[in-house]
Amino acid sequence: QDYSREEDTVAPFKLRDLKLGPEKGKQGFYPCADFSIKTWKGSTKTLPFPSFLLASRNYYNTAWSLRSHRRLKNVVALVEWVPDRDRLAMSTEVLPLSKTAEDELGRIFQMFDLDGSNSLDYDEVIQVLKALDVDVSDGKRDSLLAMLDTDGDGHVDKEELKLGLRRQCLYHIQEGRFYVIVSLREAEDL
């Protein structure tokens, strides 16, 4: 089987189209959640990537998965793309947690709930966030706690922490900011 990719040509992006939000077919990007590959037994299932992760058709064209076997290119560049800085906002997208992630969250929550109150005081929440590798520097601490403590009672229960993780607010994901996987040839021309 010949897996050569030398015949692939790069379709350039039109700058005027990059000023718009992502539209299927417009910029040459598609959601990573649409990515699948053809195997000898059929196509693979797609993975639930977040909506801000996109792939360039120059990296991998979705039509290839239906026609032939192709060697996947290594990801060599991830481009941050913001079509309109004025439209950036904190993400409101709520993603599901896997069963494994929920079980792990429950275990971590119990480990840090030192007084057994089924809620965490702010000092305990900070320790959980540090364990999750979240930036809790002084400038971000108060805003993170306010985002998590949705009922304003001065404590964070397991459901509030779970919602914060599902909303991705701990990692400051923004609507209007995208990350695009591009091919090496594209990256050389950026």
C-alpha atoms as a PDB file:
ATOM      1  CA  GLN A   1       0.000   0.000   0.000  1.00  0.00           C
ATOM      2  CA  ASP A   2       1.437   3.389  -0.984  1.00  0.00           C
ATOM      3  CA  TYR A   3       0.800   6.003   1.698  1.00  0.00           C
ATOM      4  CA  SER A   4       2.762   8.836   0.104  1.00  0.00           C
ATOM      5  CA  ARG A   5       1.424  12.325   0.734  1.00  0.00           C
ATOM      6  CA  GLU A   6       3.750  14.168  -1.654  1.00  0.00           C
ATOM      7  CA  GLU A   7       0.986  14.694  -4.239  1.00  0.00           C
ATOM      8  CA  ASP A   8      -1.178  16.586  -1.755  1.00  0.00           C
ATOM      9  CA  THR A   9      -1.533  20.259  -2.565  1.00  0.00           C
ATOM     10  CA  VAL A  10      -2.212  22.901   0.044  1.00  0.00           C
ATOM     11  CA  ALA A  11      -5.402  24.921  -0.410  1.00  0.00           C
ATOM     12  CA  PRO A  12      -4.657  28.409   0.978  1.00  0.00           C
ATOM     13  CA  PHE A  13      -6.976  30.261   3.353  1.00  0.00           C
ATOM     14  CA  LYS A  14      -8.603  33.471   2.177  1.00  0.00           C
ATOM     15  CA  LEU A  15      -7.898  36.228   4.698  1.00  0.00           C
ATOM     16  CA  ARG A  16     -11.378  37.708   4.306  1.00  0.00           C
ATOM     17  CA  ASP A  17     -12.866  34.338   5.327  1.00  0.00           C
ATOM     18  CA  LEU A  18     -10.701  34.183   8.460  1.00  0.00           C
ATOM     19  CA  LYS A  19     -12.451  37.308   9.762  1.00  0.00           C
ATOM     20  CA  LEU A  20     -15.683  35.282   9.968  1.00  0.00           C
ATOM     21  CA  GLY A  21     -16.488  32.650  12.546  1.00  0.00           C
ATOM     22  CA  PRO A  22     -16.027  29.029  11.521  1.00  0.00           C
ATOM     23  CA  GLU A  23     -18.410  27.965   8.786  1.00  0.00           C
ATOM     24  CA  LYS A  24     -18.262  24.505   7.277  1.00  0.00           C
ATOM     25  CA  GLY A  25     -16.462  24.681   3.970  1.00  0.00           C
ATOM     26  CA  LYS A  26     -15.728  28.415   4.205  1.00  0.00           C
ATOM     27  CA  GLN A  27     -12.253  28.503   5.764  1.00  0.00           C
ATOM     28  CA  GLY A  28     -11.249  24.921   5.067  1.00  0.00           C
ATOM     29  CA  PHE A  29     -11.612  23.897   8.727  1.00  0.00           C
ATOM     30  CA  TYR A  30     -13.914  21.328  10.263  1.00  0.00           C
ATOM     31  CA  PRO A  31     -14.625  20.340  13.896  1.00  0.00           C
ATOM     32  CA  CYS A  32     -12.212  17.718  15.258  1.00  0.00           C
ATOM     33  CA  ALA A  33     -15.332  15.967  16.577  1.00  0.00           C
ATOM     34  CA  ASP A  34     -16.083  15.066  12.908  1.00  0.00           C
ATOM     35  CA  PHE A  35     -12.697  13.373  12.480  1.00  0.00           C
ATOM     36  CA  SER A  36     -12.703   9.649  11.749  1.00  0.00           C
ATOM     37  CA  ILE A  37     -10.505   7.334   9.762  1.00  0.00           C
ATOM     38  CA  LYS A  38     -11.183   4.339   7.561  1.00  0.00           C
ATOM     39  CA  THR A  39      -9.835   1.028   8.787  1.00  0.00           C
ATOM     40  CA  TRP A  40      -9.978  -2.382   7.194  1.00  0.00           C
ATOM     41  CA  LYS A  41     -13.169  -3.026   9.191  1.00  0.00           C
ATOM     42  CA  GLY A  42     -14.874   0.294   8.384  1.00  0.00           C
ATOM     43  CA  SER A  43     -14.687   3.837   9.744  1.00  0.00           C
ATOM     44  CA  THR A  44     -13.753   4.575  13.338  1.00  0.00           C
ATOM     45  CA  LYS A  45     -16.072   6.316  15.776  1.00  0.00           C
ATOM     46  CA  THR A  46     -15.515  10.013  16.252  1.00  0.00           C
ATOM     47  CA  LEU A  47     -14.284  11.403  19.582  1.00  0.00           C
ATOM     48  CA  PRO A  48     -16.174  14.101  21.530  1.00  0.00           C
ATOM     49  CA  PHE A  49     -13.655  16.939  21.056  1.00  0.00           C
ATOM     50  CA  PRO A  50     -14.725  20.386  22.296  1.00  0.00           C
ATOM     51  CA  SER A  51     -16.174  22.733  19.665  1.00  0.00           C
ATOM     52  CA  PHE A  52     -13.165  25.083  19.749  1.00  0.00           C
ATOM     53  CA  LEU A  53     -10.825  22.414  18.310  1.00  0.00           C
ATOM     54  CA  LEU A  54     -10.756  22.406  14.529  1.00  0.00           C
ATOM     55  CA  ALA A  55      -8.687  20.643  11.857  1.00  0.00           C
ATOM     56  CA  SER A  56      -7.583  22.024   8.517  1.00  0.00           C
ATOM     57  CA  ARG A  57      -8.614  20.079   5.426  1.00  0.00           C
ATOM     58  CA  ASN A  58      -4.975  20.397   4.403  1.00  0.00           C
ATOM     59  CA  TYR A  59      -4.070  18.344   7.476  1.00  0.00           C
ATOM     60  CA  TYR A  60      -6.762  15.755   6.889  1.00  0.00           C
ATOM     61  CA  ASN A  61      -9.657  15.910   4.455  1.00  0.00           C
ATOM     62  CA  THR A  62     -12.816  14.188   5.703  1.00  0.00           C
ATOM     63  CA  ALA A  63     -13.528  12.930   2.162  1.00  0.00           C
ATOM     64  CA  TRP A  64     -10.380  10.782   2.353  1.00  0.00           C
ATOM     65  CA  SER A  65     -11.914   8.567   5.029  1.00  0.00           C
ATOM     66  CA  LEU A  66     -14.546   7.413   2.559  1.00  0.00           C
ATOM     67  CA  ARG A  67     -12.292   6.724  -0.448  1.00  0.00           C
ATOM     68  CA  SER A  68      -8.962   5.288   0.568  1.00  0.00           C
ATOM     69  CA  HIS A  69      -6.469   4.450   3.267  1.00  0.00           C
ATOM     70  CA  ARG A  70      -4.187   7.355   4.079  1.00  0.00           C
ATOM     71  CA  ARG A  71      -1.266   7.739   6.405  1.00  0.00           C
ATOM     72  CA  LEU A  72      -2.119  10.353   9.028  1.00  0.00           C
ATOM     73  CA  LYS A  73       0.261  13.267   9.299  1.00  0.00           C
ATOM     74  CA  ASN A  74       1.815  14.154  12.619  1.00  0.00           C
ATOM     75  CA  VAL A  75       0.382  17.252  14.229  1.00  0.00           C
ATOM     76  CA  VAL A  76       3.186  19.770  13.981  1.00  0.00           C
ATOM     77  CA  ALA A  77       1.391  23.041  14.485  1.00  0.00           C
ATOM     78  CA  LEU A  78      -1.634  24.229  16.351  1.00  0.00           C
ATOM     79  CA  VAL A  79      -2.749  27.708  15.329  1.00  0.00           C
ATOM     80  CA  GLU A  80      -4.754  29.944  17.646  1.00  0.00           C
ATOM     81  CA  TRP A  81      -7.466  31.720  15.643  1.00  0.00           C
ATOM     82  CA  VAL A  82      -9.630  34.591  16.883  1.00  0.00           C
ATOM     83  CA  PRO A  83     -11.890  35.899  14.091  1.00  0.00           C
ATOM     84  CA  ASP A  84     -13.140  38.898  16.126  1.00  0.00           C
ATOM     85  CA  ARG A  85     -11.519  39.950  19.429  1.00  0.00           C
ATOM     86  CA  ASP A  86     -14.576  42.010  20.355  1.00  0.00           C
ATOM     87  CA  ARG A  87     -16.736  38.880  20.428  1.00  0.00           C
ATOM     88  CA  LEU A  88     -14.587  36.886  22.876  1.00  0.00           C
ATOM     89  CA  ALA A  89     -16.554  35.694  25.916  1.00  0.00           C
ATOM     90  CA  MET A  90     -16.223  33.032  28.573  1.00  0.00           C
ATOM     91  CA  SER A  91     -17.461  29.702  27.281  1.00  0.00           C
ATOM     92  CA  THR A  92     -20.997  28.670  28.201  1.00  0.00           C
ATOM     93  CA  GLU A  93     -20.691  25.272  26.514  1.00  0.00           C
ATOM     94  CA  VAL A  94     -21.404  22.479  28.997  1.00  0.00           C
ATOM     95  CA  LEU A  95     -19.552  19.265  28.188  1.00  0.00           C
ATOM     96  CA  PRO A  96     -20.379  15.877  29.693  1.00  0.00           C
ATOM     97  CA  LEU A  97     -17.983  14.206  32.099  1.00  0.00           C
ATOM     98  CA  SER A  98     -17.113  10.588  31.467  1.00  0.00           C
ATOM     99  CA  LYS A  99     -18.056   8.009  34.098  1.00  0.00           C
ATOM    100  CA  THR A 100     -14.358   7.694  34.969  1.00  0.00           C
ATOM    101  CA  ALA A 101     -14.020  11.471  35.393  1.00  0.00           C
ATOM    102  CA  GLU A 102     -17.132  11.616  37.603  1.00  0.00           C
ATOM    103  CA  ASP A 103     -15.839   8.771  39.769  1.00  0.00           C
ATOM    104  CA  GLU A 104     -12.448  10.471  40.067  1.00  0.00           C
ATOM    105  CA  LEU A 105     -14.101  13.787  40.955  1.00  0.00           C
ATOM    106  CA  GLY A 106     -16.115  12.061  43.698  1.00  0.00           C
ATOM    107  CA  ARG A 107     -12.973  10.457  45.094  1.00  0.00           C
ATOM    108  CA  ILE A 108     -11.038  13.747  45.039  1.00  0.00           C
ATOM    109  CA  PHE A 109     -13.974  15.636  46.559  1.00  0.00           C
ATOM    110  CA  GLN A 110     -14.187  13.215  49.492  1.00  0.00           C
ATOM    111  CA  MET A 111     -10.435  13.381  50.005  1.00  0.00           C
ATOM    112  CA  PHE A 112     -10.526  17.183  50.358  1.00  0.00           C
ATOM    113  CA  ASP A 113     -13.804  17.392  52.311  1.00  0.00           C
ATOM    114  CA  LEU A 114     -11.913  17.142  55.595  1.00  0.00           C
ATOM    115  CA  ASP A 115     -14.871  17.902  57.861  1.00  0.00           C
ATOM    116  CA  GLY A 116     -17.297  15.575  56.024  1.00  0.00           C
ATOM    117  CA  SER A 117     -19.789  18.411  55.360  1.00  0.00           C
ATOM    118  CA  ASN A 118     -20.377  17.426  51.706  1.00  0.00           C
ATOM    119  CA  SER A 119     -19.195  20.898  50.734  1.00  0.00           C
ATOM    120  CA  LEU A 120     -15.791  22.507  50.504  1.00  0.00           C
ATOM    121  CA  ASP A 121     -14.836  25.792  52.089  1.00  0.00           C
ATOM    122  CA  TYR A 122     -12.761  28.115  49.913  1.00  0.00           C
ATOM    123  CA  ASP A 123      -9.425  26.888  51.293  1.00  0.00           C
ATOM    124  CA  GLU A 124     -10.392  23.299  50.476  1.00  0.00           C
ATOM    125  CA  VAL A 125     -11.539  24.362  46.983  1.00  0.00           C
ATOM    126  CA  ILE A 126      -8.167  26.009  46.348  1.00  0.00           C
ATOM    127  CA  GLN A 127      -6.423  22.747  47.273  1.00  0.00           C
ATOM    128  CA  VAL A 128      -8.674  20.805  44.852  1.00  0.00           C
ATOM    129  CA  LEU A 129      -7.970  23.317  42.069  1.00  0.00           C
ATOM    130  CA  LYS A 130      -4.224  23.036  42.659  1.00  0.00           C
ATOM    131  CA  ALA A 131      -4.555  19.239  42.448  1.00  0.00           C
ATOM    132  CA  LEU A 132      -6.353  19.719  39.099  1.00  0.00           C
ATOM    133  CA  ASP A 133      -3.460  21.945  37.902  1.00  0.00           C
ATOM    134  CA  VAL A 134      -5.634  25.056  37.695  1.00  0.00           C
ATOM    135  CA  ASP A 135      -3.922  28.442  37.980  1.00  0.00           C
ATOM    136  CA  VAL A 136      -5.086  29.817  41.342  1.00  0.00           C
ATOM    137  CA  SER A 137      -2.755  32.790  41.561  1.00  0.00           C
ATOM    138  CA  ASP A 138      -4.013  35.730  43.624  1.00  0.00           C
ATOM    139  CA  GLY A 139      -5.399  37.574  40.595  1.00  0.00           C
ATOM    140  CA  LYS A 140      -7.592  34.647  39.530  1.00  0.00           C
ATOM    141  CA  ARG A 141      -8.521  33.128  42.883  1.00  0.00           C
ATOM    142  CA  ASP A 142     -11.564  35.290  43.687  1.00  0.00           C
ATOM    143  CA  SER A 143     -13.072  35.065  40.198  1.00  0.00           C
ATOM    144  CA  LEU A 144     -12.648  31.267  40.137  1.00  0.00           C
ATOM    145  CA  LEU A 145     -14.317  30.883  43.520  1.00  0.00           C
ATOM    146  CA  ALA A 146     -17.193  33.159  42.445  1.00  0.00           C
ATOM    147  CA  MET A 147     -17.712  31.089  39.260  1.00  0.00           C
ATOM    148  CA  LEU A 148     -17.802  27.847  41.255  1.00  0.00           C
ATOM    149  CA  ASP A 149     -19.921  29.001  44.214  1.00  0.00           C
ATOM    150  CA  THR A 150     -23.071  29.475  42.146  1.00  0.00           C
ATOM    151  CA  ASP A 151     -25.400  29.873  45.138  1.00  0.00           C
ATOM    152  CA  GLY A 152     -23.049  32.302  46.952  1.00  0.00           C
ATOM    153  CA  ASP A 153     -23.129  30.456  50.291  1.00  0.00           C
ATOM    154  CA  GLY A 154     -19.341  30.560  50.779  1.00  0.00           C
ATOM    155  CA  HIS A 155     -18.943  26.823  50.074  1.00  0.00           C
ATOM    156  CA  VAL A 156     -18.712  24.679  46.943  1.00  0.00           C
ATOM    157  CA  ASP A 157     -20.568  21.385  46.886  1.00  0.00           C
ATOM    158  CA  LYS A 158     -19.802  18.491  44.539  1.00  0.00           C
ATOM    159  CA  GLU A 159     -22.468  19.493  42.001  1.00  0.00           C
ATOM    160  CA  GLU A 160     -21.115  23.066  41.805  1.00  0.00           C
ATOM    161  CA  LEU A 161     -17.573  21.760  41.276  1.00  0.00           C
ATOM    162  CA  LYS A 162     -18.812  19.302  38.653  1.00  0.00           C
ATOM    163  CA  LEU A 163     -20.669  22.075  36.809  1.00  0.00           C
ATOM    164  CA  GLY A 164     -17.526  24.221  36.870  1.00  0.00           C
ATOM    165  CA  LEU A 165     -15.535  21.409  35.290  1.00  0.00           C
ATOM    166  CA  ARG A 166     -18.224  20.742  32.685  1.00  0.00           C
ATOM    167  CA  ARG A 167     -18.418  24.452  31.794  1.00  0.00           C
ATOM    168  CA  GLN A 168     -14.619  24.573  31.468  1.00  0.00           C
ATOM    169  CA  CYS A 169     -14.575  27.853  33.408  1.00  0.00           C
ATOM    170  CA  LEU A 170     -11.569  26.707  35.436  1.00  0.00           C
ATOM    171  CA  TYR A 171      -9.386  26.811  32.353  1.00  0.00           C
ATOM    172  CA  HIS A 172     -10.706  30.135  30.998  1.00  0.00           C
ATOM    173  CA  ILE A 173     -11.908  28.668  27.698  1.00  0.00           C
ATOM    174  CA  GLN A 174     -13.361  31.446  25.552  1.00  0.00           C
ATOM    175  CA  GLU A 175     -16.082  31.359  22.931  1.00  0.00           C
ATOM    176  CA  GLY A 176     -14.738  32.935  19.759  1.00  0.00           C
ATOM    177  CA  ARG A 177     -11.207  31.514  20.240  1.00  0.00           C
ATOM    178  CA  PHE A 178     -10.365  28.437  18.177  1.00  0.00           C
ATOM    179  CA  TYR A 179      -7.371  26.159  17.802  1.00  0.00           C
ATOM    180  CA  VAL A 180      -6.719  24.668  14.371  1.00  0.00           C
ATOM    181  CA  ILE A 181      -4.485  21.696  13.534  1.00  0.00           C
ATOM    182  CA  VAL A 182      -2.558  22.561  10.378  1.00  0.00           C
ATOM    183  CA  SER A 183      -0.190  20.561   8.192  1.00  0.00           C
ATOM    184  CA  LEU A 184       3.554  21.167   8.122  1.00  0.00           C
ATOM    185  CA  ARG A 185       3.283  22.655   4.650  1.00  0.00           C
ATOM    186  CA  GLU A 186       0.623  25.113   5.865  1.00  0.00           C
ATOM    187  CA  ALA A 187       2.675  26.033   8.939  1.00  0.00           C
ATOM    188  CA  GLU A 188       5.652  26.833   6.717  1.00  0.00           C
ATOM    189  CA  ASP A 189       3.518  29.390   4.831  1.00  0.00           C
ATOM    190  CA  LEU A 190       1.957  31.133   7.843  1.00  0.00           C
END
